[in-house]
PDB file of N, CA and C in Angstrom:
ATOM      1  N   MET A   1     202.852 223.668   7.999  1.00  0.00           N
ATOM      2  CA  MET A   1     201.538 223.799   7.392  1.00  0.00           C
ATOM      3  C   MET A   1     200.649 224.651   8.300  1.00  0.00           C
ATOM      4  N   ASN A   2     200.002 225.649   7.717  1.00  0.00           N
ATOM      5  CA  ASN A   2     199.104 226.527   8.457  1.00  0.00           C
ATOM      6  C   ASN A   2     197.702 225.933   8.440  1.00  0.00           C
ATOM      7  N   THR A   3     197.150 225.656   9.626  1.00  0.00           N
ATOM      8  CA  THR A   3     195.810 225.063   9.699  1.00  0.00           C
ATOM      9  C   THR A   3     194.762 226.054  10.175  1.00  0.00           C
ATOM     10  N   ALA A   4     195.136 227.333  10.278  1.00  0.00           N
ATOM     11  CA  ALA A   4     194.173 228.351  10.712  1.00  0.00           C
ATOM     12  C   ALA A   4     193.163 228.614   9.595  1.00  0.00           C
ATOM     13  N   PRO A   5     191.899 228.833   9.960  1.00  0.00           N
ATOM     14  CA  PRO A   5     190.903 229.189   8.930  1.00  0.00           C
ATOM     15  C   PRO A   5     191.301 230.474   8.216  1.00  0.00           C
ATOM     16  N   LYS A   6     190.888 230.585   6.969  1.00  0.00           N
ATOM     17  CA  LYS A   6     191.233 231.734   6.147  1.00  0.00           C
ATOM     18  C   LYS A   6     189.949 232.290   5.531  1.00  0.00           C
ATOM     19  N   THR A   7     189.895 233.598   5.392  1.00  0.00           N
ATOM     20  CA  THR A   7     188.739 234.232   4.760  1.00  0.00           C
ATOM     21  C   THR A   7     188.980 234.331   3.261  1.00  0.00           C
ATOM     22  N   TYR A   8     187.973 233.907   2.491  1.00  0.00           N
ATOM     23  CA  TYR A   8     188.035 233.967   1.032  1.00  0.00           C
ATOM     24  C   TYR A   8     186.912 234.846   0.518  1.00  0.00           C
ATOM     25  N   ALA A   9     187.208 235.583  -0.547  1.00  0.00           N
ATOM     26  CA  ALA A   9     186.198 236.357  -1.277  1.00  0.00           C
ATOM     27  C   ALA A   9     186.098 235.737  -2.666  1.00  0.00           C
ATOM     28  N   ILE A  10     184.887 235.348  -3.039  1.00  0.00           N
ATOM     29  CA  ILE A  10     184.645 234.718  -4.334  1.00  0.00           C
ATOM     30  C   ILE A  10     183.641 235.594  -5.065  1.00  0.00           C
ATOM     31  N   ARG A  11     184.028 236.092  -6.234  1.00  0.00           N
ATOM     32  CA  ARG A  11     183.130 236.937  -7.033  1.00  0.00           C
ATOM     33  C   ARG A  11     182.580 236.114  -8.181  1.00  0.00           C
ATOM     34  N   VAL A  12     181.273 236.234  -8.402  1.00  0.00           N
ATOM     35  CA  VAL A  12     180.619 235.523  -9.500  1.00  0.00           C
ATOM     36  C   VAL A  12     179.825 236.513 -10.344  1.00  0.00           C
ATOM     37  N   ASP A  13     179.612 236.149 -11.614  1.00  0.00           N
ATOM     38  CA  ASP A  13     178.790 236.969 -12.508  1.00  0.00           C
ATOM     39  C   ASP A  13     177.342 236.935 -12.051  1.00  0.00           C
ATOM     40  N   GLY A  14     176.667 238.064 -12.172  1.00  0.00           N
ATOM     41  CA  GLY A  14     175.244 238.137 -11.865  1.00  0.00           C
ATOM     42  C   GLY A  14     174.967 238.236 -10.377  1.00  0.00           C
ATOM     43  N   HIS A  15     173.708 238.493 -10.060  1.00  0.00           N
ATOM     44  CA  HIS A  15     173.256 238.551  -8.675  1.00  0.00           C
ATOM     45  C   HIS A  15     172.615 237.219  -8.311  1.00  0.00           C
ATOM     46  N   LEU A  16     173.098 236.601  -7.249  1.00  0.00           N
ATOM     47  CA  LEU A  16     172.501 235.358  -6.792  1.00  0.00           C
ATOM     48  C   LEU A  16     171.156 235.660  -6.138  1.00  0.00           C
ATOM     49  N   ASP A  17     170.155 234.863  -6.451  1.00  0.00           N
ATOM     50  CA  ASP A  17     168.841 235.000  -5.834  1.00  0.00           C
ATOM     51  C   ASP A  17     168.910 234.592  -4.367  1.00  0.00           C
ATOM     52  N   ASP A  18     167.974 235.111  -3.578  1.00  0.00           N
ATOM     53  CA  ASP A  18     167.950 234.822  -2.145  1.00  0.00           C
ATOM     54  C   ASP A  18     167.873 233.328  -1.847  1.00  0.00           C
ATOM     55  N   HIS A  19     167.158 232.560  -2.665  1.00  0.00           N
ATOM     56  CA  HIS A  19     166.987 231.146  -2.337  1.00  0.00           C
ATOM     57  C   HIS A  19     168.287 230.354  -2.435  1.00  0.00           C
ATOM     58  N   TRP A  20     169.293 230.865  -3.153  1.00  0.00           N
ATOM     59  CA  TRP A  20     170.580 230.167  -3.202  1.00  0.00           C
ATOM     60  C   TRP A  20     171.399 230.429  -1.946  1.00  0.00           C
ATOM     61  N   SER A  21     171.115 231.496  -1.251  1.00  0.00           N
ATOM     62  CA  SER A  21     171.899 231.871  -0.075  1.00  0.00           C
ATOM     63  C   SER A  21     171.890 230.775   0.978  1.00  0.00           C
ATOM     64  N   ALA A  22     170.726 230.296   1.342  1.00  0.00           N
ATOM     65  CA  ALA A  22     170.631 229.248   2.357  1.00  0.00           C
ATOM     66  C   ALA A  22     171.244 227.948   1.849  1.00  0.00           C
ATOM     67  N   TRP A  23     171.098 227.672   0.565  1.00  0.00           N
ATOM     68  CA  TRP A  23     171.608 226.434  -0.011  1.00  0.00           C
ATOM     69  C   TRP A  23     173.128 226.390   0.032  1.00  0.00           C
ATOM     70  N   LEU A  24     173.796 227.534  -0.086  1.00  0.00           N
ATOM     71  CA  LEU A  24     175.255 227.567  -0.120  1.00  0.00           C
ATOM     72  C   LEU A  24     175.896 227.439   1.254  1.00  0.00           C
ATOM     73  N   GLY A  25     175.173 227.657   2.314  1.00  0.00           N
ATOM     74  CA  GLY A  25     175.740 227.519   3.646  1.00  0.00           C
ATOM     75  C   GLY A  25     175.971 228.849   4.318  1.00  0.00           C
ATOM     76  N   GLU A  26     176.780 228.834   5.367  1.00  0.00           N
ATOM     77  CA  GLU A  26     177.013 230.027   6.198  1.00  0.00           C
ATOM     78  C   GLU A  26     178.034 230.937   5.533  1.00  0.00           C
ATOM     79  N   LEU A  27     177.530 231.778   4.628  1.00  0.00           N
ATOM     80  CA  LEU A  27     178.375 232.671   3.844  1.00  0.00           C
ATOM     81  C   LEU A  27     177.768 234.064   3.834  1.00  0.00           C
ATOM     82  N   ASP A  28     178.606 235.080   3.671  1.00  0.00           N
ATOM     83  CA  ASP A  28     178.118 236.441   3.468  1.00  0.00           C
ATOM     84  C   ASP A  28     178.007 236.654   1.966  1.00  0.00           C
ATOM     85  N   VAL A  29     176.826 237.038   1.500  1.00  0.00           N
ATOM     86  CA  VAL A  29     176.583 237.242   0.074  1.00  0.00           C
ATOM     87  C   VAL A  29     176.279 238.723  -0.138  1.00  0.00           C
ATOM     88  N   THR A  30     177.077 239.381  -0.987  1.00  0.00           N
ATOM     89  CA  THR A  30     176.918 240.799  -1.260  1.00  0.00           C
ATOM     90  C   THR A  30     176.638 240.993  -2.743  1.00  0.00           C
ATOM     91  N   ARG A  31     175.519 241.646  -3.037  1.00  0.00           N
ATOM     92  CA  ARG A  31     175.201 241.997  -4.427  1.00  0.00           C
ATOM     93  C   ARG A  31     175.865 243.339  -4.731  1.00  0.00           C
ATOM     94  N   ASN A  32     176.784 243.328  -5.681  1.00  0.00           N
ATOM     95  CA  ASN A  32     177.552 244.520  -6.036  1.00  0.00           C
ATOM     96  C   ASN A  32     176.825 245.344  -7.093  1.00  0.00           C
ATOM     97  N   ASP A  33     177.103 246.650  -7.116  1.00  0.00           N
ATOM     98  CA  ASP A  33     176.485 247.562  -8.084  1.00  0.00           C
ATOM     99  C   ASP A  33     176.847 247.234  -9.532  1.00  0.00           C
ATOM    100  N   ASP A  34     177.974 246.540  -9.747  1.00  0.00           N
ATOM    101  CA  ASP A  34     178.406 246.218 -11.112  1.00  0.00           C
ATOM    102  C   ASP A  34     177.734 244.962 -11.670  1.00  0.00           C
ATOM    103  N   GLY A  35     176.757 244.418 -10.951  1.00  0.00           N
ATOM    104  CA  GLY A  35     176.030 243.253 -11.436  1.00  0.00           C
ATOM    105  C   GLY A  35     176.637 241.925 -11.031  1.00  0.00           C
ATOM    106  N   THR A  36     177.662 241.953 -10.197  1.00  0.00           N
ATOM    107  CA  THR A  36     178.272 240.716  -9.707  1.00  0.00           C
ATOM    108  C   THR A  36     177.850 240.467  -8.272  1.00  0.00           C
ATOM    109  N   THR A  37     178.180 239.294  -7.769  1.00  0.00           N
ATOM    110  CA  THR A  37     177.943 238.944  -6.368  1.00  0.00           C
ATOM    111  C   THR A  37     179.275 238.548  -5.759  1.00  0.00           C
ATOM    112  N   THR A  38     179.557 239.033  -4.560  1.00  0.00           N
ATOM    113  CA  THR A  38     180.748 238.617  -3.830  1.00  0.00           C
ATOM    114  C   THR A  38     180.313 237.770  -2.641  1.00  0.00           C
ATOM    115  N   ILE A  39     180.882 236.592  -2.554  1.00  0.00           N
ATOM    116  CA  ILE A  39     180.612 235.660  -1.462  1.00  0.00           C
ATOM    117  C   ILE A  39     181.848 235.666  -0.580  1.00  0.00           C
ATOM    118  N   THR A  40     181.678 235.962   0.692  1.00  0.00           N
ATOM    119  CA  THR A  40     182.785 236.011   1.634  1.00  0.00           C
ATOM    120  C   THR A  40     182.544 234.968   2.708  1.00  0.00           C
ATOM    121  N   ALA A  41     183.571 234.148   2.970  1.00  0.00           N
ATOM    122  CA  ALA A  41     183.394 233.059   3.930  1.00  0.00           C
ATOM    123  C   ALA A  41     184.696 232.761   4.649  1.00  0.00           C
ATOM    124  N   LEU A  42     184.567 232.398   5.918  1.00  0.00           N
ATOM    125  CA  LEU A  42     185.694 231.898   6.689  1.00  0.00           C
ATOM    126  C   LEU A  42     185.760 230.399   6.410  1.00  0.00           C
ATOM    127  N   ILE A  43     186.828 229.966   5.756  1.00  0.00           N
ATOM    128  CA  ILE A  43     186.977 228.589   5.291  1.00  0.00           C
ATOM    129  C   ILE A  43     188.011 227.883   6.157  1.00  0.00           C
ATOM    130  N   ALA A  44     187.624 226.743   6.717  1.00  0.00           N
ATOM    131  CA  ALA A  44     188.490 226.017   7.637  1.00  0.00           C
ATOM    132  C   ALA A  44     189.652 225.318   6.943  1.00  0.00           C
ATOM    133  N   ASP A  45     189.407 224.765   5.749  1.00  0.00           N
ATOM    134  CA  ASP A  45     190.446 224.002   5.064  1.00  0.00           C
ATOM    135  C   ASP A  45     190.102 223.888   3.576  1.00  0.00           C
ATOM    136  N   GLN A  46     190.988 223.257   2.820  1.00  0.00           N
ATOM    137  CA  GLN A  46     190.775 223.143   1.379  1.00  0.00           C
ATOM    138  C   GLN A  46     189.549 222.309   1.046  1.00  0.00           C
ATOM    139  N   ALA A  47     189.237 221.316   1.865  1.00  0.00           N
ATOM    140  CA  ALA A  47     188.047 220.504   1.607  1.00  0.00           C
ATOM    141  C   ALA A  47     186.790 221.372   1.658  1.00  0.00           C
ATOM    142  N   GLN A  48     186.706 222.273   2.630  1.00  0.00           N
ATOM    143  CA  GLN A  48     185.552 223.160   2.720  1.00  0.00           C
ATOM    144  C   GLN A  48     185.528 224.132   1.538  1.00  0.00           C
ATOM    145  N   LEU A  49     186.692 224.658   1.140  1.00  0.00           N
ATOM    146  CA  LEU A  49     186.762 225.550  -0.015  1.00  0.00           C
ATOM    147  C   LEU A  49     186.274 224.828  -1.270  1.00  0.00           C
ATOM    148  N   HIS A  50     186.709 223.603  -1.466  1.00  0.00           N
ATOM    149  CA  HIS A  50     186.255 222.828  -2.623  1.00  0.00           C
ATOM    150  C   HIS A  50     184.749 222.608  -2.569  1.00  0.00           C
ATOM    151  N   GLY A  51     184.195 222.405  -1.380  1.00  0.00           N
ATOM    152  CA  GLY A  51     182.752 222.249  -1.238  1.00  0.00           C
ATOM    153  C   GLY A  51     181.989 223.493  -1.658  1.00  0.00           C
ATOM    154  N   VAL A  52     182.484 224.662  -1.244  1.00  0.00           N
ATOM    155  CA  VAL A  52     181.845 225.929  -1.634  1.00  0.00           C
ATOM    156  C   VAL A  52     181.933 226.110  -3.150  1.00  0.00           C
ATOM    157  N   LEU A  53     183.107 225.856  -3.709  1.00  0.00           N
ATOM    158  CA  LEU A  53     183.282 226.000  -5.156  1.00  0.00           C
ATOM    159  C   LEU A  53     182.402 225.011  -5.918  1.00  0.00           C
ATOM    160  N   ALA A  54     182.271 223.796  -5.409  1.00  0.00           N
ATOM    161  CA  ALA A  54     181.401 222.802  -6.047  1.00  0.00           C
ATOM    162  C   ALA A  54     179.944 223.238  -5.982  1.00  0.00           C
ATOM    163  N   GLY A  55     179.537 223.824  -4.872  1.00  0.00           N
ATOM    164  CA  GLY A  55     178.169 224.332  -4.750  1.00  0.00           C
ATOM    165  C   GLY A  55     177.890 225.424  -5.765  1.00  0.00           C
ATOM    166  N   LEU A  56     178.859 226.325  -5.955  1.00  0.00           N
ATOM    167  CA  LEU A  56     178.697 227.384  -6.955  1.00  0.00           C
ATOM    168  C   LEU A  56     178.635 226.794  -8.358  1.00  0.00           C
ATOM    169  N   ARG A  57     179.459 225.803  -8.618  1.00  0.00           N
ATOM    170  CA  ARG A  57     179.410 225.118  -9.918  1.00  0.00           C
ATOM    171  C   ARG A  57     178.043 224.478 -10.134  1.00  0.00           C
ATOM    172  N   ASP A  58     177.516 223.836  -9.095  1.00  0.00           N
ATOM    173  CA  ASP A  58     176.241 223.127  -9.198  1.00  0.00           C
ATOM    174  C   ASP A  58     175.071 224.056  -9.521  1.00  0.00           C
ATOM    175  N   ILE A  59     175.160 225.314  -9.094  1.00  0.00           N
ATOM    176  CA  ILE A  59     174.065 226.249  -9.407  1.00  0.00           C
ATOM    177  C   ILE A  59     174.339 227.028 -10.692  1.00  0.00           C
ATOM    178  N   GLY A  60     175.457 226.732 -11.338  1.00  0.00           N
ATOM    179  CA  GLY A  60     175.767 227.364 -12.619  1.00  0.00           C
ATOM    180  C   GLY A  60     176.399 228.734 -12.510  1.00  0.00           C
ATOM    181  N   ALA A  61     176.922 229.082 -11.340  1.00  0.00           N
ATOM    182  CA  ALA A  61     177.560 230.391 -11.167  1.00  0.00           C
ATOM    183  C   ALA A  61     178.902 230.412 -11.895  1.00  0.00           C
ATOM    184  N   VAL A  62     179.203 231.535 -12.539  1.00  0.00           N
ATOM    185  CA  VAL A  62     180.477 231.723 -13.231  1.00  0.00           C
ATOM    186  C   VAL A  62     181.402 232.501 -12.292  1.00  0.00           C
ATOM    187  N   ILE A  63     182.452 231.838 -11.825  1.00  0.00           N
ATOM    188  CA  ILE A  63     183.402 232.467 -10.899  1.00  0.00           C
ATOM    189  C   ILE A  63     184.351 233.344 -11.700  1.00  0.00           C
ATOM    190  N   THR A  64     184.427 234.620 -11.306  1.00  0.00           N
ATOM    191  CA  THR A  64     185.319 235.554 -11.995  1.00  0.00           C
ATOM    192  C   THR A  64     186.544 235.915 -11.163  1.00  0.00           C
ATOM    193  N   GLU A  65     186.477 235.663  -9.848  1.00  0.00           N
ATOM    194  CA  GLU A  65     187.604 236.003  -8.977  1.00  0.00           C
ATOM    195  C   GLU A  65     187.525 235.159  -7.712  1.00  0.00           C
ATOM    196  N   LEU A  66     188.693 234.716  -7.265  1.00  0.00           N
ATOM    197  CA  LEU A  66     188.816 234.007  -5.995  1.00  0.00           C
ATOM    198  C   LEU A  66     190.074 234.526  -5.331  1.00  0.00           C
ATOM    199  N   ARG A  67     189.925 235.030  -4.107  1.00  0.00           N
ATOM    200  CA  ARG A  67     191.115 235.539  -3.416  1.00  0.00           C
ATOM    201  C   ARG A  67     190.992 235.327  -1.919  1.00  0.00           C
ATOM    202  N   ALA A  68     192.137 235.101  -1.299  1.00  0.00           N
ATOM    203  CA  ALA A  68     192.213 235.055   0.153  1.00  0.00           C
ATOM    204  C   ALA A  68     192.353 236.487   0.635  1.00  0.00           C
ATOM    205  N   THR A  69     191.670 236.825   1.723  1.00  0.00           N
ATOM    206  CA  THR A  69     191.727 238.188   2.251  1.00  0.00           C
ATOM    207  C   THR A  69     192.195 238.164   3.691  1.00  0.00           C
ATOM    208  N   ASP A  70     192.605 239.323   4.180  1.00  0.00           N
ATOM    209  CA  ASP A  70     192.985 239.452   5.584  1.00  0.00           C
ATOM    210  C   ASP A  70     191.791 239.831   6.447  1.00  0.00           C
ATOM    211  N   ALA A  71     190.704 240.275   5.801  1.00  0.00           N
ATOM    212  CA  ALA A  71     189.526 240.720   6.547  1.00  0.00           C
ATOM    213  C   ALA A  71     188.721 239.519   7.027  1.00  0.00           C
ATOM    214  N   PRO A  72     188.150 239.607   8.223  1.00  0.00           N
ATOM    215  CA  PRO A  72     187.260 238.539   8.662  1.00  0.00           C
ATOM    216  C   PRO A  72     186.004 238.501   7.796  1.00  0.00           C
ATOM    217  N   ALA A  73     185.389 237.327   7.674  1.00  0.00           N
ATOM    218  CA  ALA A  73     184.205 237.164   6.825  1.00  0.00           C
ATOM    219  C   ALA A  73     183.092 238.107   7.241  1.00  0.00           C
ATOM    220  N   SER A  74     182.953 238.398   8.524  1.00  0.00           N
ATOM    221  CA  SER A  74     181.867 239.255   8.987  1.00  0.00           C
ATOM    222  C   SER A  74     182.132 240.736   8.743  1.00  0.00           C
ATOM    223  N   ALA A  75     183.326 241.102   8.242  1.00  0.00           N
ATOM    224  CA  ALA A  75     183.644 242.514   8.022  1.00  0.00           C
ATOM    225  C   ALA A  75     182.940 243.074   6.797  1.00  0.00           C
ATOM    226  N   ALA A  76     182.571 242.236   5.847  1.00  0.00           N
ATOM    227  CA  ALA A  76     181.909 242.709   4.626  1.00  0.00           C
ATOM    228  C   ALA A  76     180.417 242.828   4.873  1.00  0.00           C
ATOM    229  N   LYS A  77     179.969 243.993   5.295  1.00  0.00           N
ATOM    230  CA  LYS A  77     178.572 244.195   5.650  1.00  0.00           C
ATOM    231  C   LYS A  77     177.963 245.407   4.962  1.00  0.00           C
ATOM    232  N   PRO A  78     178.077 245.532   3.622  1.00  0.00           N
ATOM    233  CA  PRO A  78     177.387 246.642   2.976  1.00  0.00           C
ATOM    234  C   PRO A  78     175.870 246.482   3.087  1.00  0.00           C
ATOM    235  N   SER A  79     175.156 247.457   2.591  1.00  0.00           N
ATOM    236  CA  SER A  79     173.708 247.477   2.791  1.00  0.00           C
ATOM    237  C   SER A  79     172.976 246.298   2.164  1.00  0.00           C
ATOM    238  N   GLN A  80     173.523 245.685   1.120  1.00  0.00           N
ATOM    239  CA  GLN A  80     172.846 244.570   0.479  1.00  0.00           C
ATOM    240  C   GLN A  80     173.474 243.229   0.827  1.00  0.00           C
ATOM    241  N   THR A  81     174.068 243.084   1.995  1.00  0.00           N
ATOM    242  CA  THR A  81     174.663 241.844   2.399  1.00  0.00           C
ATOM    243  C   THR A  81     173.628 240.955   3.080  1.00  0.00           C
ATOM    244  N   LEU A  82     173.641 239.689   2.712  1.00  0.00           N
ATOM    245  CA  LEU A  82     172.761 238.708   3.346  1.00  0.00           C
ATOM    246  C   LEU A  82     173.640 237.757   4.122  1.00  0.00           C
ATOM    247  N   THR A  83     173.306 237.447   5.354  1.00  0.00           N
ATOM    248  CA  THR A  83     174.024 236.455   6.119  1.00  0.00           C
ATOM    249  C   THR A  83     173.240 235.154   6.030  1.00  0.00           C
ATOM    250  N   CYS A  84     173.903 234.108   5.604  1.00  0.00           N
ATOM    251  CA  CYS A  84     173.226 232.853   5.290  1.00  0.00           C
ATOM    252  C   CYS A  84     173.588 231.788   6.313  1.00  0.00           C
ATOM    253  N   PRO A  85     172.637 231.249   7.065  1.00  0.00           N
ATOM    254  CA  PRO A  85     172.923 230.204   8.035  1.00  0.00           C
ATOM    255  C   PRO A  85     173.115 228.854   7.342  1.00  0.00           C
ATOM    256  N   LEU A  86     173.808 227.952   8.006  1.00  0.00           N
ATOM    257  CA  LEU A  86     173.919 226.595   7.482  1.00  0.00           C
ATOM    258  C   LEU A  86     172.537 225.950   7.496  1.00  0.00           C
ATOM    259  N   PRO A  87     172.242 225.129   6.460  1.00  0.00           N
ATOM    260  CA  PRO A  87     170.924 224.483   6.431  1.00  0.00           C
ATOM    261  C   PRO A  87     170.768 223.464   7.530  1.00  0.00           C
TER     262      PRO A  87
END
């Protein structure tokens, strides 16, 4: 069993407002030109991944894509990226 943290990219419909960024935790939030938002996070385990997904469900976000990536979470830094600290 691999217990190393893994980076996930989660794409949702629409642009998330700034006030949701802090609520979701320490995640990189990128507003894409196509009207979607990509959330990139280094996830320690499945429990943390489920927590992030539950948070997105709770705010009514529609998840369109979920994928594990080889890139570190901090690598996604386009001009509209927000870094969100844990509350």
